[in-house]
Amino acid sequence: MDISGSTAIVTGAASGIGAACARQLAAKGATVVVADLQADKGEALAAEINGVFAQVDVTSTEQITAAVNAAAEIAPLRAVVNSAGIGWAQRTIGRDGQIESAHDLDAFTRVIAINLIGTFDMVRQAATVMSRNEPDADGQRGAIVNLASVAAFDGQIGQASYSASKGGVVGMTLPVARDLSASGIRLNTIAPGLIDTPIYGEGPESEAFKAKLGESVLFPKRLGVPDELASMVVECLTNSYMNAEVIRVDGGIRMPPK
């Protein structure tokens, strides 16, 4: 599928994997709507790639609607990448046997709201707009890529909320792809492994920590870089025969319990 001359929305685009996706989609000729909460970084990236910044909290249906409509006003919306997400680490129960020490339910709800419900909200709204596009020669009107995580399969101790949210993204891949097929819209999910993003910080201690983490990767024994994820995202968007798949991009890692 040719995305040149169209618009693409990338959530969580101000940094990390999202930023790498935005740059690669712009290089393919798409006008990218950089959707993020971080206005300073988002606006800077949008200026760099000749895109448009939209301040989007994916828990706000109204802000998603505004971003989707803004994209469609520029050019046909043909590509969406759902990269916005948060993590949370806490064991299901505490060590003292007190219910008050059990997993923070508000935190669990927030992770699900952002990572799973926010992803679905963008999918349902963006796909609705895509369904109005003129189909290409292959009958395609658009394509969507959701970002999950290997935690959907190999969730570690303390990752109940994060794994549940990403497991939900994986679980909805096939049914949503089936739903959207009638409108000529493809949907795939990518499950990244350990990727070198700003979440790990900077400096010598951070680099040593990342090097240690990389030792657990099957091969190559390092963290992945955002561009390696972004290239797979672009392939899923542009390869017309990629549909309803969940793809691990993780160097072969299988996460241990902790």
Protein backbone atom coordinates (compact mmCIF):
# COMPACT_ATOMS: atom_id res chain seq x y z
CA MET A 1 0.00 0.00 0.00
CA ASP A 2 1.37 3.38 -1.02
CA ILE A 3 1.15 5.92 1.80
CA SER A 4 2.74 8.84 -0.05
CA GLY A 5 0.40 11.78 -0.30
CA SER A 6 -1.71 10.51 2.59
CA THR A 7 -1.77 11.27 6.30
CA ALA A 8 -0.61 9.01 9.09
CA ILE A 9 -1.32 9.29 12.81
CA VAL A 10 1.24 8.09 15.35
CA THR A 11 0.28 8.16 19.02
CA GLY A 12 3.06 8.42 21.58
CA ALA A 13 5.08 9.95 18.75
CA ALA A 14 7.12 12.50 20.69
CA SER A 15 9.88 10.07 21.63
CA GLY A 16 11.20 6.52 21.40
CA ILE A 17 9.49 4.02 19.11
CA GLY A 18 6.73 6.46 18.19
CA ALA A 19 9.20 9.12 17.04
CA ALA A 20 11.12 6.58 14.96
CA CYS A 21 7.86 5.49 13.30
CA ALA A 22 6.90 9.09 12.58
CA ARG A 23 10.24 9.80 10.91
CA GLN A 24 10.11 6.68 8.76
CA LEU A 25 6.51 7.32 7.68
CA ALA A 26 7.41 10.88 6.75
CA ALA A 27 10.31 9.54 4.70
CA LYS A 28 7.75 7.44 2.81
CA GLY A 29 5.89 10.59 1.82
CA ALA A 30 3.13 10.69 4.43
CA THR A 31 2.14 13.79 6.36
CA VAL A 32 2.40 12.61 9.95
CA VAL A 33 0.13 13.76 12.74
CA VAL A 34 2.37 13.59 15.80
CA ALA A 35 -0.11 12.73 18.55
CA ASP A 36 1.26 13.02 22.07
CA LEU A 37 0.84 14.73 25.42
CA GLN A 38 4.34 16.27 25.28
CA ALA A 39 3.79 19.48 23.35
CA ASP A 40 7.42 20.67 23.31
CA LYS A 41 8.91 17.46 21.94
CA GLY A 42 5.89 16.76 19.74
CA GLU A 43 5.95 20.18 18.10
CA ALA A 44 9.71 19.93 17.53
CA LEU A 45 9.35 16.55 15.83
CA ALA A 46 6.42 17.74 13.72
CA ALA A 47 8.51 20.69 12.52
CA GLU A 48 11.44 18.39 11.75
CA ILE A 49 9.39 16.04 9.56
CA ASN A 50 6.97 18.63 8.11
CA GLY A 51 4.12 17.06 10.03
CA VAL A 52 1.44 18.36 12.36
CA PHE A 53 1.33 18.14 16.16
CA ALA A 54 -1.88 17.18 17.92
CA GLN A 55 -2.00 17.11 21.70
CA VAL A 56 -3.69 13.80 22.45
CA ASP A 57 -4.42 12.01 25.68
CA VAL A 58 -5.63 8.64 24.40
CA THR A 59 -8.05 8.38 27.32
CA SER A 60 -9.89 11.38 25.83
CA THR A 61 -12.29 10.32 23.10
CA GLU A 62 -12.74 13.98 22.12
CA GLN A 63 -9.00 14.52 21.61
CA ILE A 64 -8.75 11.39 19.47
CA THR A 65 -11.69 12.61 17.39
CA ALA A 66 -9.99 15.97 16.88
CA ALA A 67 -6.72 14.33 15.77
CA VAL A 68 -8.48 11.96 13.37
CA ASN A 69 -10.50 14.78 11.83
CA ALA A 70 -7.42 17.00 11.55
CA ALA A 71 -5.58 14.25 9.69
CA ALA A 72 -8.46 13.67 7.29
CA GLU A 73 -8.67 17.38 6.47
CA ILE A 74 -5.06 17.38 5.26
CA ALA A 75 -5.21 14.28 3.05
CA PRO A 76 -6.77 10.80 3.11
CA LEU A 77 -5.91 9.06 6.39
CA ARG A 78 -4.36 5.73 5.40
CA ALA A 79 -2.01 4.80 8.24
CA VAL A 80 -2.23 4.72 12.05
CA VAL A 81 0.32 3.56 14.60
CA ASN A 82 -0.78 3.14 18.22
CA SER A 83 2.40 3.55 20.23
CA ALA A 84 1.15 5.46 23.28
CA GLY A 85 1.41 3.49 26.50
CA ILE A 86 2.54 3.41 30.11
CA GLY A 87 3.93 0.78 32.46
CA TRP A 88 3.37 -0.05 36.11
CA ALA A 89 5.13 -2.53 38.36
CA GLN A 90 3.47 -3.92 41.50
CA ARG A 91 2.82 -7.38 42.84
CA THR A 92 -0.75 -8.57 43.02
CA ILE A 93 -0.67 -8.90 46.82
CA GLY A 94 1.54 -7.41 49.49
CA ARG A 95 3.77 -9.21 51.96
CA ASP A 96 1.82 -8.32 55.11
CA GLY A 97 -1.46 -10.07 54.35
CA GLN A 98 -3.40 -6.81 54.36
CA ILE A 99 -5.89 -5.99 51.60
CA GLU A 100 -4.64 -2.40 51.68
CA SER A 101 -1.26 -3.68 50.47
CA ALA A 102 -2.71 -5.43 47.44
CA HIS A 103 -2.21 -4.07 43.92
CA ASP A 104 -3.41 -0.48 43.49
CA LEU A 105 -6.68 -0.91 41.59
CA ASP A 106 -6.66 2.67 40.30
CA ALA A 107 -3.21 2.08 38.81
CA PHE A 108 -4.40 -1.15 37.17
CA THR A 109 -7.41 0.68 35.72
CA ARG A 110 -5.25 3.52 34.39
CA VAL A 111 -2.86 1.15 32.59
CA ILE A 112 -5.80 -0.63 30.96
CA ALA A 113 -7.42 2.71 30.07
CA ILE A 114 -4.34 4.00 28.25
CA ASN A 115 -2.78 0.89 26.77
CA LEU A 116 -5.87 -1.06 25.78
CA ILE A 117 -8.97 1.15 25.72
CA GLY A 118 -7.05 4.11 24.29
CA THR A 119 -5.66 1.90 21.54
CA PHE A 120 -9.11 0.58 20.68
CA ASP A 121 -10.65 4.05 20.72
CA MET A 122 -8.11 5.28 18.18
CA VAL A 123 -8.64 2.15 16.06
CA ARG A 124 -12.43 2.50 15.96
CA GLN A 125 -12.35 6.22 15.16
CA ALA A 126 -9.49 6.19 12.66
CA ALA A 127 -10.88 3.14 10.87
CA THR A 128 -14.23 4.87 10.56
CA VAL A 129 -12.55 7.77 8.76
CA MET A 130 -10.44 5.37 6.64
CA SER A 131 -13.59 3.57 5.52
CA ARG A 132 -14.56 6.72 3.57
CA ASN A 133 -11.37 6.63 1.48
CA GLU A 134 -11.36 5.62 -2.15
CA PRO A 135 -9.88 2.09 -2.33
CA ASP A 136 -6.62 1.50 -4.17
CA ALA A 137 -6.19 -1.12 -6.89
CA ASP A 138 -6.02 -3.81 -4.20
CA GLY A 139 -9.20 -2.60 -2.51
CA GLN A 140 -7.28 -1.11 0.42
CA ARG A 141 -8.44 1.98 2.26
CA GLY A 142 -5.94 1.98 5.10
CA ALA A 143 -3.81 0.05 7.57
CA ILE A 144 -3.28 0.13 11.33
CA VAL A 145 -0.45 -1.15 13.53
CA ASN A 146 -0.87 -1.54 17.29
CA LEU A 147 2.11 -1.82 19.61
CA ALA A 148 1.84 -4.54 22.25
CA SER A 149 4.81 -6.08 24.10
CA VAL A 150 6.43 -9.44 24.73
CA ALA A 151 4.96 -8.95 28.21
CA ALA A 152 1.68 -10.04 26.63
CA PHE A 153 3.21 -13.53 26.50
CA ASP A 154 6.10 -13.47 29.02
CA GLY A 155 4.76 -11.20 31.75
CA GLN A 156 7.15 -10.85 34.66
CA ILE A 157 6.52 -10.62 38.38
CA GLY A 158 4.76 -7.31 39.06
CA GLN A 159 3.54 -6.88 35.48
CA ALA A 160 -0.09 -7.91 35.97
CA SER A 161 -1.56 -4.63 34.73
CA TYR A 162 0.90 -4.08 31.90
CA SER A 163 0.69 -7.67 30.66
CA ALA A 164 -3.11 -7.62 30.87
CA SER A 165 -3.25 -4.43 28.80
CA LYS A 166 -0.85 -5.70 26.15
CA GLY A 167 -2.46 -9.14 26.17
CA GLY A 168 -5.72 -7.38 25.36
CA VAL A 169 -4.10 -5.63 22.40
CA VAL A 170 -2.85 -9.01 21.14
CA GLY A 171 -6.22 -10.65 21.75
CA MET A 172 -8.20 -8.10 19.76
CA THR A 173 -5.90 -8.26 16.72
CA LEU A 174 -7.69 -11.03 14.84
CA PRO A 175 -11.31 -10.06 15.60
CA VAL A 176 -10.71 -6.40 14.80
CA ALA A 177 -8.85 -7.30 11.60
CA ARG A 178 -11.82 -9.46 10.66
CA ASP A 179 -14.20 -6.58 11.42
CA LEU A 180 -12.22 -4.13 9.30
CA SER A 181 -11.63 -6.44 6.36
CA ALA A 182 -15.05 -5.61 4.91
CA SER A 183 -13.88 -2.00 4.55
CA GLY A 184 -10.49 -2.83 3.05
CA ILE A 185 -8.55 -1.93 6.19
CA ARG A 186 -5.73 -4.11 7.51
CA LEU A 187 -4.63 -4.37 11.15
CA ASN A 188 -1.51 -5.93 12.64
CA THR A 189 0.16 -5.91 16.05
CA ILE A 190 3.86 -5.74 16.87
CA ALA A 191 5.16 -7.00 20.21
CA PRO A 192 8.53 -5.36 20.98
CA GLY A 193 11.08 -6.87 23.30
CA LEU A 194 13.68 -4.80 25.15
CA ILE A 195 14.05 -1.58 23.19
CA ASP A 196 16.49 1.23 23.96
CA THR A 197 14.19 4.16 24.66
CA PRO A 198 14.39 7.15 27.07
CA ILE A 199 12.66 5.04 29.74
CA TYR A 200 16.10 3.70 30.73
CA GLY A 201 17.59 7.15 31.31
CA GLU A 202 21.02 8.39 30.23
CA GLY A 203 24.60 8.29 31.45
CA PRO A 204 27.17 5.61 32.38
CA GLU A 205 24.95 3.84 34.93
CA SER A 206 22.11 3.66 32.43
CA GLU A 207 24.39 2.28 29.73
CA ALA A 208 25.72 -0.39 32.11
CA PHE A 209 22.17 -1.36 33.07
CA LYS A 210 21.13 -1.64 29.43
CA ALA A 211 24.18 -3.73 28.62
CA LYS A 212 23.27 -6.11 31.43
CA LEU A 213 19.69 -6.33 30.19
CA GLY A 214 20.96 -7.09 26.71
CA GLU A 215 22.74 -10.19 27.91
CA SER A 216 19.36 -11.93 28.28
CA VAL A 217 18.54 -11.46 24.58
CA LEU A 218 19.08 -14.60 22.49
CA PHE A 219 20.82 -12.78 19.62
CA PRO A 220 22.03 -10.14 19.10
CA LYS A 221 22.83 -9.68 22.78
CA ARG A 222 21.76 -6.07 23.08
CA LEU A 223 18.67 -3.95 23.35
CA GLY A 224 16.84 -3.23 20.13
CA VAL A 225 16.79 0.29 18.74
CA PRO A 226 13.62 2.20 17.84
CA ASP A 227 14.41 2.20 14.11
CA GLU A 228 14.36 -1.61 14.10
CA LEU A 229 10.82 -1.52 15.44
CA ALA A 230 9.81 1.28 13.12
CA SER A 231 10.97 -0.59 10.02
CA MET A 232 8.66 -3.47 10.94
CA VAL A 233 5.81 -1.04 11.54
CA VAL A 234 6.31 0.45 8.09
CA GLU A 235 6.44 -3.02 6.54
CA CYS A 236 3.14 -3.97 8.18
CA LEU A 237 1.54 -0.76 6.93
CA THR A 238 2.81 -0.96 3.36
CA ASN A 239 2.91 -4.71 2.69
CA SER A 240 -0.55 -5.40 1.31
CA TYR A 241 -0.52 -9.06 2.36
CA MET A 242 0.27 -8.43 6.01
CA ASN A 243 -2.95 -8.69 7.98
CA ALA A 244 -4.24 -9.95 11.35
CA GLU A 245 -0.74 -10.88 12.56
CA VAL A 246 1.07 -10.47 15.87
CA ILE A 247 4.81 -10.18 15.31
CA ARG A 248 7.44 -10.34 18.03
CA VAL A 249 10.44 -8.09 17.37
CA ASP A 250 12.62 -9.07 20.28
CA GLY A 251 15.92 -10.71 19.31
CA GLY A 252 14.47 -14.06 20.36
CA ILE A 253 14.16 -13.15 24.04
CA ARG A 254 11.82 -15.05 26.34
CA MET A 255 11.46 -13.03 29.51
CA PRO A 256 12.25 -14.76 32.82
CA PRO A 257 9.92 -14.43 35.83
CA LYS A 258 11.94 -11.47 37.13
